N, C-alpha and C. Protein backbone atom coordinates (compact mmCIF):
# COMPACT_ATOMS: atom_id res chain seq x y z
N MET A 1 54.08 159.91 120.44
CA MET A 1 53.94 160.92 119.42
C MET A 1 54.68 162.16 119.89
N LEU A 2 55.22 162.86 118.96
CA LEU A 2 55.93 164.09 119.27
C LEU A 2 55.07 165.28 118.88
N LEU A 3 55.05 166.26 119.74
CA LEU A 3 54.27 167.47 119.47
C LEU A 3 55.04 168.45 118.62
N ALA A 4 56.32 168.58 118.88
CA ALA A 4 57.15 169.51 118.11
C ALA A 4 58.60 169.07 118.23
N GLN A 5 59.36 169.33 117.18
CA GLN A 5 60.77 168.97 117.16
C GLN A 5 61.49 169.97 116.29
N ASN A 6 62.75 170.23 116.63
CA ASN A 6 63.56 171.04 115.74
C ASN A 6 65.02 170.70 115.93
N VAL A 7 65.80 171.04 114.94
CA VAL A 7 67.23 170.81 114.95
C VAL A 7 67.91 172.15 114.75
N THR A 8 68.84 172.47 115.63
CA THR A 8 69.55 173.74 115.58
C THR A 8 71.03 173.48 115.35
N LEU A 9 71.61 174.21 114.43
CA LEU A 9 73.04 174.16 114.15
C LEU A 9 73.59 175.53 114.50
N GLU A 10 74.50 175.56 115.50
CA GLU A 10 74.99 176.81 116.07
C GLU A 10 73.79 177.59 116.58
N ILE A 11 73.44 178.72 116.02
CA ILE A 11 72.28 179.47 116.52
C ILE A 11 71.11 179.42 115.54
N TYR A 12 71.26 178.69 114.45
CA TYR A 12 70.23 178.68 113.41
C TYR A 12 69.42 177.40 113.45
N GLN A 13 68.11 177.56 113.45
CA GLN A 13 67.24 176.39 113.33
C GLN A 13 67.30 175.92 111.88
N ILE A 14 67.70 174.68 111.66
CA ILE A 14 67.84 174.19 110.29
C ILE A 14 66.69 173.30 109.86
N SER A 15 65.90 172.83 110.82
CA SER A 15 64.78 171.98 110.46
C SER A 15 63.81 171.94 111.63
N ALA A 16 62.52 171.80 111.32
CA ALA A 16 61.51 171.72 112.37
C ALA A 16 60.27 171.04 111.82
N ILE A 17 59.57 170.34 112.71
CA ILE A 17 58.28 169.76 112.34
C ILE A 17 57.31 169.98 113.50
N GLY A 18 56.04 169.74 113.22
CA GLY A 18 55.02 169.73 114.26
C GLY A 18 54.80 168.29 114.70
N ARG A 19 53.56 167.84 114.65
CA ARG A 19 53.25 166.46 115.07
C ARG A 19 53.92 165.45 114.14
N GLY A 20 54.42 164.39 114.73
CA GLY A 20 55.05 163.36 113.92
C GLY A 20 56.02 162.54 114.71
N ILE A 21 57.06 162.06 114.03
CA ILE A 21 58.06 161.22 114.67
C ILE A 21 59.46 161.74 114.38
N CYS A 22 60.35 161.46 115.32
CA CYS A 22 61.76 161.79 115.15
C CYS A 22 62.51 160.47 114.97
N VAL A 23 63.26 160.37 113.91
CA VAL A 23 64.03 159.17 113.61
C VAL A 23 65.50 159.49 113.85
N LEU A 24 66.10 158.80 114.82
CA LEU A 24 67.54 158.89 115.03
C LEU A 24 68.12 157.66 114.36
N LEU A 25 68.84 157.86 113.30
CA LEU A 25 69.28 156.76 112.45
C LEU A 25 70.75 156.43 112.68
N GLY A 26 70.99 155.23 113.21
CA GLY A 26 72.35 154.72 113.37
C GLY A 26 72.67 153.81 112.20
N ILE A 27 73.69 154.13 111.44
CA ILE A 27 74.00 153.37 110.22
C ILE A 27 75.22 152.50 110.48
N SER A 28 75.03 151.20 110.33
CA SER A 28 76.10 150.22 110.53
C SER A 28 76.88 150.04 109.24
N MET A 29 78.14 149.65 109.36
CA MET A 29 78.93 149.41 108.15
C MET A 29 78.42 148.20 107.39
N GLU A 30 77.52 147.41 107.97
CA GLU A 30 76.94 146.26 107.29
C GLU A 30 75.61 146.57 106.61
N ASP A 31 75.08 147.77 106.78
CA ASP A 31 73.79 148.12 106.20
C ASP A 31 73.85 148.12 104.67
N THR A 32 72.74 147.67 104.08
CA THR A 32 72.62 147.59 102.62
C THR A 32 71.31 148.23 102.20
N GLN A 33 71.08 148.25 100.90
CA GLN A 33 69.83 148.76 100.34
C GLN A 33 68.63 147.99 100.90
N LYS A 34 68.80 146.71 101.15
CA LYS A 34 67.72 145.88 101.71
C LYS A 34 67.28 146.41 103.08
N GLU A 35 68.25 146.70 103.95
CA GLU A 35 67.92 147.25 105.27
C GLU A 35 67.29 148.64 105.13
N LEU A 36 67.80 149.43 104.23
CA LEU A 36 67.28 150.77 104.01
C LEU A 36 65.79 150.70 103.64
N GLU A 37 65.45 149.87 102.68
CA GLU A 37 64.06 149.75 102.25
C GLU A 37 63.17 149.22 103.36
N HIS A 38 63.67 148.25 104.12
CA HIS A 38 62.92 147.68 105.24
C HIS A 38 62.60 148.77 106.27
N MET A 39 63.60 149.57 106.62
CA MET A 39 63.41 150.59 107.64
C MET A 39 62.44 151.68 107.17
N VAL A 40 62.51 152.06 105.92
CA VAL A 40 61.58 153.06 105.39
C VAL A 40 60.15 152.54 105.50
N ARG A 41 59.92 151.29 105.09
CA ARG A 41 58.57 150.71 105.21
C ARG A 41 58.11 150.71 106.66
N LYS A 42 58.98 150.29 107.57
CA LYS A 42 58.61 150.23 108.99
C LYS A 42 58.26 151.61 109.53
N ILE A 43 59.11 152.57 109.27
CA ILE A 43 58.90 153.92 109.80
C ILE A 43 57.56 154.48 109.34
N LEU A 44 57.26 154.34 108.08
CA LEU A 44 56.04 154.93 107.53
C LEU A 44 54.78 154.16 107.89
N ASN A 45 54.90 152.88 108.20
CA ASN A 45 53.72 152.05 108.45
C ASN A 45 53.53 151.63 109.90
N LEU A 46 54.46 151.93 110.76
CA LEU A 46 54.36 151.56 112.17
C LEU A 46 53.19 152.29 112.81
N ARG A 47 52.29 151.54 113.41
CA ARG A 47 51.08 152.12 114.01
C ARG A 47 51.35 152.51 115.46
N VAL A 48 51.70 153.76 115.65
CA VAL A 48 52.01 154.27 116.99
C VAL A 48 51.08 155.40 117.43
N PHE A 49 50.13 155.75 116.59
CA PHE A 49 49.22 156.85 116.89
C PHE A 49 47.80 156.34 117.10
N GLU A 50 47.01 157.11 117.83
CA GLU A 50 45.62 156.71 118.05
C GLU A 50 44.75 157.15 116.88
N ASP A 51 43.62 156.47 116.75
CA ASP A 51 42.68 156.83 115.68
C ASP A 51 41.72 157.91 116.19
N GLU A 52 40.76 158.26 115.36
CA GLU A 52 39.82 159.34 115.66
C GLU A 52 38.98 159.05 116.90
N SER A 53 38.76 157.76 117.21
CA SER A 53 37.96 157.41 118.39
C SER A 53 38.81 157.28 119.64
N GLY A 54 40.12 157.50 119.52
CA GLY A 54 41.01 157.43 120.67
C GLY A 54 41.66 156.07 120.88
N LYS A 55 41.42 155.14 119.97
CA LYS A 55 42.02 153.80 120.10
C LYS A 55 43.53 153.90 119.83
N HIS A 56 44.31 153.48 120.83
CA HIS A 56 45.76 153.56 120.73
C HIS A 56 46.31 152.55 119.73
N TRP A 57 47.50 152.86 119.19
CA TRP A 57 48.26 151.95 118.32
C TRP A 57 47.48 151.57 117.08
N SER A 58 46.78 152.53 116.48
CA SER A 58 45.91 152.25 115.34
C SER A 58 46.34 152.89 114.03
N LYS A 59 47.07 153.97 114.09
CA LYS A 59 47.38 154.74 112.88
C LYS A 59 48.89 154.96 112.73
N SER A 60 49.31 155.01 111.49
CA SER A 60 50.72 155.27 111.17
C SER A 60 50.92 156.76 110.89
N VAL A 61 52.17 157.15 110.75
CA VAL A 61 52.49 158.53 110.39
C VAL A 61 51.84 158.88 109.05
N MET A 62 51.79 157.92 108.12
CA MET A 62 51.16 158.17 106.82
C MET A 62 49.65 158.30 106.96
N ASP A 63 49.04 157.44 107.79
CA ASP A 63 47.59 157.52 108.00
C ASP A 63 47.19 158.89 108.53
N LYS A 64 47.99 159.42 109.45
CA LYS A 64 47.69 160.70 110.09
C LYS A 64 48.21 161.90 109.31
N GLU A 65 48.99 161.64 108.25
CA GLU A 65 49.63 162.70 107.47
C GLU A 65 50.50 163.59 108.34
N TYR A 66 51.25 162.96 109.25
CA TYR A 66 52.17 163.66 110.13
C TYR A 66 53.53 163.77 109.46
N GLU A 67 54.41 164.49 110.13
CA GLU A 67 55.75 164.75 109.60
C GLU A 67 56.78 163.79 110.20
N VAL A 68 57.93 163.70 109.52
CA VAL A 68 59.05 162.86 109.97
C VAL A 68 60.31 163.72 109.97
N LEU A 69 60.99 163.76 111.12
CA LEU A 69 62.28 164.44 111.23
C LEU A 69 63.36 163.38 111.39
N CYS A 70 64.34 163.37 110.50
CA CYS A 70 65.42 162.39 110.53
C CYS A 70 66.73 163.05 110.93
N VAL A 71 67.44 162.39 111.84
CA VAL A 71 68.74 162.86 112.28
C VAL A 71 69.69 161.67 112.27
N SER A 72 70.78 161.79 111.55
CA SER A 72 71.80 160.75 111.54
C SER A 72 72.52 160.78 112.88
N GLN A 73 72.63 159.59 113.52
CA GLN A 73 73.27 159.53 114.83
C GLN A 73 74.15 158.29 114.91
N PHE A 74 75.41 158.45 114.49
CA PHE A 74 76.32 157.32 114.43
C PHE A 74 76.61 156.71 115.80
N THR A 75 76.41 157.45 116.87
CA THR A 75 76.69 156.91 118.20
C THR A 75 75.74 155.78 118.59
N LEU A 76 74.64 155.60 117.86
CA LEU A 76 73.77 154.45 118.12
C LEU A 76 74.47 153.14 117.80
N GLN A 77 75.55 153.20 117.04
CA GLN A 77 76.29 152.00 116.67
C GLN A 77 77.48 151.74 117.59
N CYS A 78 77.56 152.41 118.72
CA CYS A 78 78.75 152.24 119.57
C CYS A 78 78.65 151.04 120.49
N VAL A 79 79.82 150.58 120.91
CA VAL A 79 79.98 149.54 121.91
C VAL A 79 80.83 150.17 123.01
N LEU A 80 80.45 149.96 124.25
CA LEU A 80 81.27 150.50 125.33
C LEU A 80 82.45 149.58 125.60
N LYS A 81 83.62 150.16 125.60
CA LYS A 81 84.84 149.45 125.99
C LYS A 81 85.33 150.17 127.24
N GLY A 82 85.04 149.58 128.37
CA GLY A 82 85.33 150.27 129.62
C GLY A 82 84.39 151.44 129.75
N ASN A 83 84.96 152.61 129.86
CA ASN A 83 84.15 153.83 129.98
C ASN A 83 84.19 154.68 128.72
N LYS A 84 84.63 154.10 127.62
CA LYS A 84 84.78 154.86 126.38
C LYS A 84 83.98 154.20 125.25
N PRO A 85 83.22 154.99 124.48
CA PRO A 85 82.49 154.40 123.35
C PRO A 85 83.44 154.02 122.21
N ASP A 86 83.22 152.85 121.65
CA ASP A 86 83.97 152.38 120.48
C ASP A 86 82.99 152.42 119.31
N LEU A 87 83.31 153.16 118.27
CA LEU A 87 82.39 153.39 117.16
C LEU A 87 82.78 152.63 115.90
N HIS A 88 83.54 151.54 116.04
CA HIS A 88 84.03 150.81 114.87
C HIS A 88 82.92 150.14 114.07
N LEU A 89 81.73 149.96 114.65
CA LEU A 89 80.63 149.33 113.92
C LEU A 89 79.87 150.31 113.02
N ALA A 90 80.08 151.60 113.24
CA ALA A 90 79.40 152.62 112.43
C ALA A 90 80.01 152.66 111.03
N MET A 91 79.16 152.89 110.05
CA MET A 91 79.63 153.02 108.68
C MET A 91 80.55 154.24 108.58
N PRO A 92 81.66 154.14 107.82
CA PRO A 92 82.55 155.29 107.64
C PRO A 92 81.78 156.51 107.10
N THR A 93 82.23 157.68 107.48
CA THR A 93 81.51 158.94 107.23
C THR A 93 81.06 159.13 105.78
N GLU A 94 81.94 158.98 104.82
CA GLU A 94 81.58 159.24 103.42
C GLU A 94 80.51 158.27 102.93
N GLN A 95 80.67 156.99 103.26
CA GLN A 95 79.66 155.99 102.88
C GLN A 95 78.36 156.26 103.61
N ALA A 96 78.45 156.58 104.90
CA ALA A 96 77.26 156.81 105.71
C ALA A 96 76.46 158.01 105.20
N GLU A 97 77.14 159.05 104.77
CA GLU A 97 76.43 160.22 104.24
C GLU A 97 75.66 159.85 102.98
N SER A 98 76.26 159.07 102.11
CA SER A 98 75.58 158.62 100.90
C SER A 98 74.38 157.74 101.26
N PHE A 99 74.57 156.84 102.23
CA PHE A 99 73.50 155.95 102.67
C PHE A 99 72.35 156.77 103.28
N TYR A 100 72.69 157.73 104.12
CA TYR A 100 71.70 158.59 104.76
C TYR A 100 70.90 159.37 103.71
N ASN A 101 71.58 159.91 102.72
CA ASN A 101 70.89 160.63 101.65
C ASN A 101 69.97 159.71 100.86
N SER A 102 70.39 158.47 100.63
CA SER A 102 69.54 157.48 99.96
C SER A 102 68.32 157.15 100.81
N PHE A 103 68.54 157.06 102.13
CA PHE A 103 67.45 156.81 103.07
C PHE A 103 66.41 157.92 102.98
N LEU A 104 66.87 159.17 103.01
CA LEU A 104 65.95 160.31 102.90
C LEU A 104 65.22 160.31 101.57
N GLU A 105 65.94 160.02 100.50
CA GLU A 105 65.34 159.97 99.16
C GLU A 105 64.24 158.90 99.10
N GLN A 106 64.50 157.74 99.69
CA GLN A 106 63.51 156.65 99.69
C GLN A 106 62.30 157.03 100.53
N LEU A 107 62.52 157.68 101.67
CA LEU A 107 61.39 158.16 102.49
C LEU A 107 60.53 159.12 101.68
N ARG A 108 61.17 160.04 101.00
CA ARG A 108 60.43 161.05 100.21
C ARG A 108 59.70 160.43 99.04
N LYS A 109 60.27 159.41 98.42
CA LYS A 109 59.59 158.71 97.32
C LYS A 109 58.39 157.92 97.82
N SER A 110 58.49 157.41 99.04
CA SER A 110 57.45 156.53 99.59
C SER A 110 56.34 157.28 100.30
N TYR A 111 56.54 158.55 100.57
CA TYR A 111 55.58 159.33 101.33
C TYR A 111 55.47 160.70 100.67
N ARG A 112 55.02 161.68 101.39
CA ARG A 112 54.92 163.05 100.88
C ARG A 112 56.23 163.78 101.19
N PRO A 113 57.01 164.12 100.16
CA PRO A 113 58.34 164.70 100.39
C PRO A 113 58.33 165.96 101.24
N GLU A 114 57.27 166.73 101.18
CA GLU A 114 57.22 167.97 101.96
C GLU A 114 57.07 167.70 103.46
N LEU A 115 56.76 166.45 103.83
CA LEU A 115 56.60 166.10 105.24
C LEU A 115 57.84 165.43 105.82
N ILE A 116 58.88 165.30 105.03
CA ILE A 116 60.14 164.69 105.49
C ILE A 116 61.17 165.80 105.69
N ARG A 117 61.70 165.91 106.89
CA ARG A 117 62.71 166.91 107.21
C ARG A 117 63.95 166.19 107.76
N ASP A 118 65.08 166.88 107.74
CA ASP A 118 66.28 166.27 108.28
C ASP A 118 67.21 167.32 108.85
N GLY A 119 68.16 166.81 109.65
CA GLY A 119 69.21 167.66 110.19
C GLY A 119 70.33 167.77 109.17
N LYS A 120 71.50 168.19 109.60
CA LYS A 120 72.66 168.29 108.72
C LYS A 120 73.59 167.14 109.05
N PHE A 121 73.83 166.28 108.08
CA PHE A 121 74.66 165.10 108.30
C PHE A 121 76.04 165.50 108.81
N GLY A 122 76.48 164.83 109.88
CA GLY A 122 77.82 165.02 110.40
C GLY A 122 78.04 166.26 111.24
N ALA A 123 77.02 167.10 111.36
CA ALA A 123 77.18 168.34 112.12
C ALA A 123 76.86 168.11 113.59
N TYR A 124 77.47 168.90 114.44
CA TYR A 124 77.11 168.94 115.85
C TYR A 124 75.85 169.79 115.93
N MET A 125 74.76 169.18 116.41
CA MET A 125 73.47 169.87 116.42
C MET A 125 72.82 169.74 117.78
N GLN A 126 71.91 170.62 118.06
CA GLN A 126 71.04 170.49 119.21
C GLN A 126 69.70 170.00 118.67
N VAL A 127 69.27 168.84 119.16
CA VAL A 127 68.00 168.27 118.73
C VAL A 127 67.01 168.46 119.87
N HIS A 128 65.97 169.22 119.62
CA HIS A 128 64.94 169.50 120.63
C HIS A 128 63.72 168.67 120.30
N ILE A 129 63.30 167.87 121.28
CA ILE A 129 62.16 166.98 121.06
C ILE A 129 61.14 167.22 122.16
N GLN A 130 59.91 167.51 121.78
CA GLN A 130 58.82 167.62 122.73
C GLN A 130 58.00 166.35 122.59
N ASN A 131 58.27 165.40 123.47
CA ASN A 131 57.70 164.06 123.38
C ASN A 131 56.35 164.01 124.09
N ASP A 132 55.32 163.57 123.42
CA ASP A 132 53.98 163.47 123.96
C ASP A 132 53.69 162.01 124.26
N GLY A 133 53.64 161.65 125.49
CA GLY A 133 53.40 160.24 125.83
C GLY A 133 54.08 159.88 127.13
N PRO A 134 55.36 159.67 127.14
CA PRO A 134 56.24 159.54 125.98
C PRO A 134 56.18 158.14 125.39
N VAL A 135 56.41 158.06 124.12
CA VAL A 135 56.52 156.78 123.42
C VAL A 135 57.86 156.78 122.69
N THR A 136 58.63 155.73 122.93
CA THR A 136 59.89 155.54 122.23
C THR A 136 59.92 154.11 121.76
N ILE A 137 60.27 153.92 120.52
CA ILE A 137 60.35 152.57 119.96
C ILE A 137 61.67 152.42 119.26
N GLU A 138 62.37 151.34 119.58
CA GLU A 138 63.62 151.05 118.90
C GLU A 138 63.32 150.05 117.80
N LEU A 139 63.59 150.46 116.60
CA LEU A 139 63.36 149.60 115.43
C LEU A 139 64.70 149.12 114.93
N GLU A 140 64.80 147.84 114.64
CA GLU A 140 66.04 147.31 114.09
C GLU A 140 65.74 146.62 112.79
N SER A 141 66.64 146.76 111.85
CA SER A 141 66.45 146.04 110.59
C SER A 141 66.63 144.56 110.86
N PRO A 142 65.99 143.69 110.09
CA PRO A 142 66.04 142.25 110.39
C PRO A 142 67.42 141.67 110.15
N ALA A 143 67.70 140.60 110.88
CA ALA A 143 68.92 139.85 110.64
C ALA A 143 68.80 139.17 109.29
N PRO A 144 69.91 138.83 108.64
CA PRO A 144 69.84 138.15 107.34
C PRO A 144 68.97 136.90 107.43
N GLY A 145 68.06 136.76 106.49
CA GLY A 145 67.18 135.60 106.44
C GLY A 145 66.01 135.67 107.39
N ALA A 146 65.83 136.77 108.10
CA ALA A 146 64.69 136.88 109.01
C ALA A 146 63.41 136.81 108.21
N ALA A 147 62.47 136.00 108.69
CA ALA A 147 61.25 135.74 107.93
C ALA A 147 60.23 136.85 108.04
N SER A 148 60.20 137.55 109.17
CA SER A 148 59.12 138.49 109.40
C SER A 148 59.54 139.94 109.18
N SER A 149 58.63 140.70 108.61
CA SER A 149 58.82 142.15 108.56
C SER A 149 57.62 142.80 109.25
N ASP A 150 57.11 142.12 110.29
CA ASP A 150 55.95 142.57 111.03
C ASP A 150 56.29 143.80 111.86
N PRO A 151 55.60 144.94 111.62
CA PRO A 151 55.89 146.14 112.38
C PRO A 151 55.61 145.99 113.87
N LYS A 152 54.93 144.92 114.29
CA LYS A 152 54.64 144.71 115.70
C LYS A 152 55.88 144.25 116.47
N GLN A 153 56.90 143.79 115.76
CA GLN A 153 58.09 143.27 116.43
C GLN A 153 59.06 144.40 116.71
N VAL A 154 58.76 145.15 117.75
CA VAL A 154 59.62 146.25 118.15
C VAL A 154 59.82 146.19 119.66
N THR A 155 60.81 146.87 120.14
CA THR A 155 61.13 146.88 121.56
C THR A 155 60.98 148.29 122.09
N PRO A 156 60.05 148.53 123.05
CA PRO A 156 59.94 149.85 123.63
C PRO A 156 61.21 150.21 124.41
N THR A 157 61.64 151.46 124.32
CA THR A 157 62.78 151.93 125.12
C THR A 157 62.39 153.22 125.80
N ASN A 158 63.16 154.31 125.69
CA ASN A 158 62.89 155.44 126.56
C ASN A 158 62.27 156.72 126.02
N ASN A 159 62.68 157.34 124.90
CA ASN A 159 61.99 158.60 124.60
C ASN A 159 61.86 159.04 123.15
N ILE A 160 62.39 158.33 122.17
CA ILE A 160 62.25 158.72 120.78
C ILE A 160 62.31 157.49 119.90
N LEU A 161 61.94 157.63 118.66
CA LEU A 161 62.08 156.52 117.72
C LEU A 161 63.51 156.52 117.25
N LYS A 162 64.23 155.47 117.58
CA LYS A 162 65.61 155.39 117.13
C LYS A 162 65.77 154.11 116.34
N LEU A 163 66.50 154.18 115.28
CA LEU A 163 66.62 153.06 114.37
C LEU A 163 68.05 152.60 114.30
N THR A 164 68.21 151.30 114.50
CA THR A 164 69.55 150.74 114.41
C THR A 164 69.48 149.44 113.64
N ASN A 165 70.60 148.90 113.32
CA ASN A 165 70.68 147.67 112.55
C ASN A 165 70.87 146.49 113.48
N LYS A 166 69.98 145.50 113.41
CA LYS A 166 70.03 144.35 114.29
C LYS A 166 71.32 143.57 114.15
N LYS A 167 71.95 143.62 112.98
CA LYS A 167 73.19 142.88 112.78
C LYS A 167 74.30 143.42 113.67
N SER A 168 74.17 144.65 114.08
CA SER A 168 75.18 145.24 114.94
C SER A 168 74.92 144.84 116.39
N THR A 169 75.95 144.45 117.09
CA THR A 169 75.79 144.16 118.51
C THR A 169 76.08 145.40 119.33
N GLY A 170 76.44 146.47 118.67
CA GLY A 170 76.90 147.66 119.39
C GLY A 170 75.82 148.65 119.70
N LYS A 171 75.45 148.73 120.96
CA LYS A 171 74.55 149.78 121.40
C LYS A 171 75.19 150.40 122.62
N CYS A 172 75.20 151.68 122.68
CA CYS A 172 75.79 152.36 123.82
C CYS A 172 74.82 152.28 124.97
N LYS A 173 75.14 151.51 125.96
CA LYS A 173 74.31 151.42 127.15
C LYS A 173 75.20 151.58 128.36
N PRO A 174 74.77 152.35 129.35
CA PRO A 174 75.62 152.55 130.53
C PRO A 174 75.77 151.26 131.32
């Protein structure tokens, strides 16, 4: 769970939330409306918070009425070629911006719009995350024909909720 998060562009804070989750969204050139809808459902229903009695992994962001901060991060789609990131798997900028805006619109339709915040698409930003836990979960959209949409099928990683497309083989790893 995150205690506080904000996004700063130059010297101006452009978005901030309190308790909730930070979504770093990597958009692949293969992503479709189907993946978009799947990821929105997962983000809003993933049980990563404790309940009132302290039981871990019991409540979702919607159950707790927490906030969601979304930041588009095309570098999640990179593949390392030697010592240089190759970003050819990322959706082209104009398409990705439209996809990202559709993603935000779907999140707002599916939850409380006033609790959904975002950074500025394509801008160089400073993202400040105060991670409580820390808990980081990497969520990937299912491969074509995947039978399960079980929110339990996630892979823990290092410090934030980051979303990528499973169809992409490109993840920037040292």
